[in-house]
Structure formats: structure tokens, C-alpha cells
C-alpha atoms as a PDB file:
ATOM      1  CA  MET A   1      -4.336 -35.531  46.835  1.00  0.00           C
ATOM      2  CA  LYS A   2      -4.074 -35.838  50.362  1.00  0.00           C
ATOM      3  CA  TYR A   3      -7.149 -37.696  52.688  1.00  0.00           C
ATOM      4  CA  PRO A   4      -8.003 -35.734  55.817  1.00  0.00           C
ATOM      5  CA  LYS A   5      -6.396 -37.913  59.085  1.00  0.00           C
ATOM      6  CA  PHE A   6      -9.976 -39.477  59.502  1.00  0.00           C
ATOM      7  CA  THR A   7     -10.628 -41.156  56.700  1.00  0.00           C
ATOM      8  CA  ASN A   8      -8.524 -44.712  58.266  1.00  0.00           C
ATOM      9  CA  LEU A   9     -10.857 -44.456  61.367  1.00  0.00           C
ATOM     10  CA  ALA A  10     -14.046 -44.393  59.039  1.00  0.00           C
ATOM     11  CA  VAL A  11     -12.703 -47.315  56.930  1.00  0.00           C
ATOM     12  CA  PHE A  12     -11.887 -49.321  60.178  1.00  0.00           C
ATOM     13  CA  VAL A  13     -15.290 -48.450  61.641  1.00  0.00           C
ATOM     14  CA  ILE A  14     -17.419 -49.400  58.599  1.00  0.00           C
ATOM     15  CA  PHE A  15     -15.923 -52.565  57.401  1.00  0.00           C
ATOM     16  CA  PHE A  16     -14.430 -54.314  60.715  1.00  0.00           C
ATOM     17  CA  GLY A  17     -16.753 -52.459  62.951  1.00  0.00           C
ATOM     18  CA  ILE A  18     -19.757 -54.097  61.276  1.00  0.00           C
ATOM     19  CA  ALA A  19     -18.582 -57.174  60.585  1.00  0.00           C
ATOM     20  CA  LEU A  20     -17.825 -57.486  64.112  1.00  0.00           C
ATOM     21  CA  ILE A  21     -21.305 -57.031  65.762  1.00  0.00           C
ATOM     22  CA  GLU A  22     -22.317 -59.049  62.969  1.00  0.00           C
ATOM     23  CA  ALA A  23     -20.268 -61.991  64.663  1.00  0.00           C
ATOM     24  CA  VAL A  24     -21.183 -61.062  68.107  1.00  0.00           C
ATOM     25  CA  GLN A  25     -24.799 -60.879  67.166  1.00  0.00           C
ATOM     26  CA  LYS A  26     -24.820 -64.367  65.892  1.00  0.00           C
ATOM     27  CA  ASN A  27     -22.878 -65.667  68.804  1.00  0.00           C
ATOM     28  CA  ASN A  28     -19.609 -66.739  65.902  1.00  0.00           C
ATOM     29  CA  TRP A  29     -16.578 -66.577  68.457  1.00  0.00           C
ATOM     30  CA  LEU A  30     -14.500 -67.689  65.989  1.00  0.00           C
ATOM     31  CA  GLU A  31     -15.581 -64.737  63.338  1.00  0.00           C
ATOM     32  CA  ALA A  32     -15.595 -62.452  66.078  1.00  0.00           C
ATOM     33  CA  ALA A  33     -12.061 -62.754  67.391  1.00  0.00           C
ATOM     34  CA  LEU A  34     -10.804 -62.684  63.794  1.00  0.00           C
ATOM     35  CA  PHE A  35     -12.391 -59.611  63.014  1.00  0.00           C
ATOM     36  CA  LEU A  36     -11.164 -58.393  65.996  1.00  0.00           C
ATOM     37  CA  ALA A  37      -7.645 -59.607  65.354  1.00  0.00           C
ATOM     38  CA  LEU A  38      -7.652 -57.901  61.802  1.00  0.00           C
ATOM     39  CA  GLY A  39      -9.262 -54.723  62.939  1.00  0.00           C
ATOM     40  CA  ALA A  40      -6.409 -54.298  65.545  1.00  0.00           C
ATOM     41  CA  LEU A  41      -3.933 -55.008  62.983  1.00  0.00           C
ATOM     42  CA  SER A  42      -5.390 -52.509  60.468  1.00  0.00           C
ATOM     43  CA  LEU A  43      -5.860 -50.032  63.145  1.00  0.00           C
ATOM     44  CA  TRP A  44      -2.329 -50.788  63.795  1.00  0.00           C
ATOM     45  CA  ALA A  45      -1.057 -50.919  60.715  1.00  0.00           C
ATOM     46  CA  ASP A  46      -2.600 -47.394  59.754  1.00  0.00           C
ATOM     47  CA  PHE A  47      -1.158 -45.337  62.997  1.00  0.00           C
ATOM     48  CA  LYS A  48       2.187 -46.879  63.178  1.00  0.00           C
ATOM     49  CA  LYS A  49       4.912 -43.995  62.189  1.00  0.00           C
ATOM     50  CA  ASN A  50       7.056 -44.489  59.609  1.00  0.00           C
END
């Protein structure tokens, strides 16, 4: 079964985006940096060409 191309982006926004916003609202900058780095790594892994 082939998934739509936006599926990975939707998962990224739901998990990493919301976690990043929550960390920023709590002024927890170390946690925010961690989620930003993990989110960037996740996007890079999803969109890189094999």
C-alpha cells in the first residue's frame, strides 16, 4: 500500500511541532532545542533521496 506524500509531514507537525510549541511556552529552552533538532533530523530523513 502506498501512503500519500504528506503523511510524513503530518506526523512531523503533530508530534514535533506541538512538543516544540509546548516546550517554548514553558520556557524550557533545552527541551525546545532537542525537539527542534529531532524534528529537523526527521524531516531530513523523510525527504532525502536514496
